[in-house]
Amino acid sequence: MVEKSKLDEDREGKAMDPSYYRGMIGTLLYLTASRPDL
């Protein structure tokens, strides 16, 4: 894991696909519900 990484502003303003993030959150919710020992 990288510590103290610097986050920069996206100056180009590219549109992000919200379905990608929805899928990621859904996967994390599934993992926390199905594997409480994680």
C-alpha atoms as a PDB file:
ATOM      1  CA  MET A   1       0.000   0.000   0.000  1.00  0.00           C
ATOM      2  CA  VAL A   2       1.326   3.397  -0.941  1.00  0.00           C
ATOM      3  CA  GLU A   3       1.351   5.897   1.880  1.00  0.00           C
ATOM      4  CA  LYS A   4       1.190   9.646   1.462  1.00  0.00           C
ATOM      5  CA  SER A   5       0.135   9.480  -2.164  1.00  0.00           C
ATOM      6  CA  LYS A   6      -0.874  12.859  -3.542  1.00  0.00           C
ATOM      7  CA  LEU A   7      -4.285  13.223  -5.154  1.00  0.00           C
ATOM      8  CA  ASP A   8      -4.501  15.772  -7.931  1.00  0.00           C
ATOM      9  CA  GLU A   9      -7.517  17.522  -9.383  1.00  0.00           C
ATOM     10  CA  ASP A  10      -8.738  16.204 -12.737  1.00  0.00           C
ATOM     11  CA  ARG A  11      -8.328  19.341 -14.828  1.00  0.00           C
ATOM     12  CA  GLU A  12      -9.608  17.726 -18.030  1.00  0.00           C
ATOM     13  CA  GLY A  13     -12.995  17.042 -16.461  1.00  0.00           C
ATOM     14  CA  LYS A  14     -13.523  13.640 -18.057  1.00  0.00           C
ATOM     15  CA  ALA A  15     -16.948  12.132 -17.454  1.00  0.00           C
ATOM     16  CA  MET A  16     -16.822   9.008 -15.310  1.00  0.00           C
ATOM     17  CA  ASP A  17     -19.066   5.996 -15.805  1.00  0.00           C
ATOM     18  CA  PRO A  18     -21.253   5.777 -12.672  1.00  0.00           C
ATOM     19  CA  SER A  19     -22.184   2.140 -13.344  1.00  0.00           C
ATOM     20  CA  TYR A  20     -18.563   1.133 -12.708  1.00  0.00           C
ATOM     21  CA  TYR A  21     -18.686   2.631  -9.217  1.00  0.00           C
ATOM     22  CA  ARG A  22     -22.147   1.204  -8.550  1.00  0.00           C
ATOM     23  CA  GLY A  23     -20.830  -2.242  -9.407  1.00  0.00           C
ATOM     24  CA  MET A  24     -17.836  -1.792  -7.138  1.00  0.00           C
ATOM     25  CA  ILE A  25     -20.025  -0.690  -4.219  1.00  0.00           C
ATOM     26  CA  GLY A  26     -22.399  -3.593  -4.862  1.00  0.00           C
ATOM     27  CA  THR A  27     -19.497  -6.025  -4.751  1.00  0.00           C
ATOM     28  CA  LEU A  28     -18.221  -4.549  -1.488  1.00  0.00           C
ATOM     29  CA  LEU A  29     -21.703  -4.716   0.048  1.00  0.00           C
ATOM     30  CA  TYR A  30     -22.020  -8.351  -1.024  1.00  0.00           C
ATOM     31  CA  LEU A  31     -18.633  -9.236   0.464  1.00  0.00           C
ATOM     32  CA  THR A  32     -19.387  -7.594   3.803  1.00  0.00           C
ATOM     33  CA  ALA A  33     -22.800  -9.307   3.985  1.00  0.00           C
ATOM     34  CA  SER A  34     -21.628 -12.759   2.911  1.00  0.00           C
ATOM     35  CA  ARG A  35     -18.295 -12.802   4.774  1.00  0.00           C
ATOM     36  CA  PRO A  36     -18.632 -11.006   8.107  1.00  0.00           C
ATOM     37  CA  ASP A  37     -15.193 -12.244   9.200  1.00  0.00           C
ATOM     38  CA  LEU A  38     -13.392 -10.075   6.624  1.00  0.00           C
END
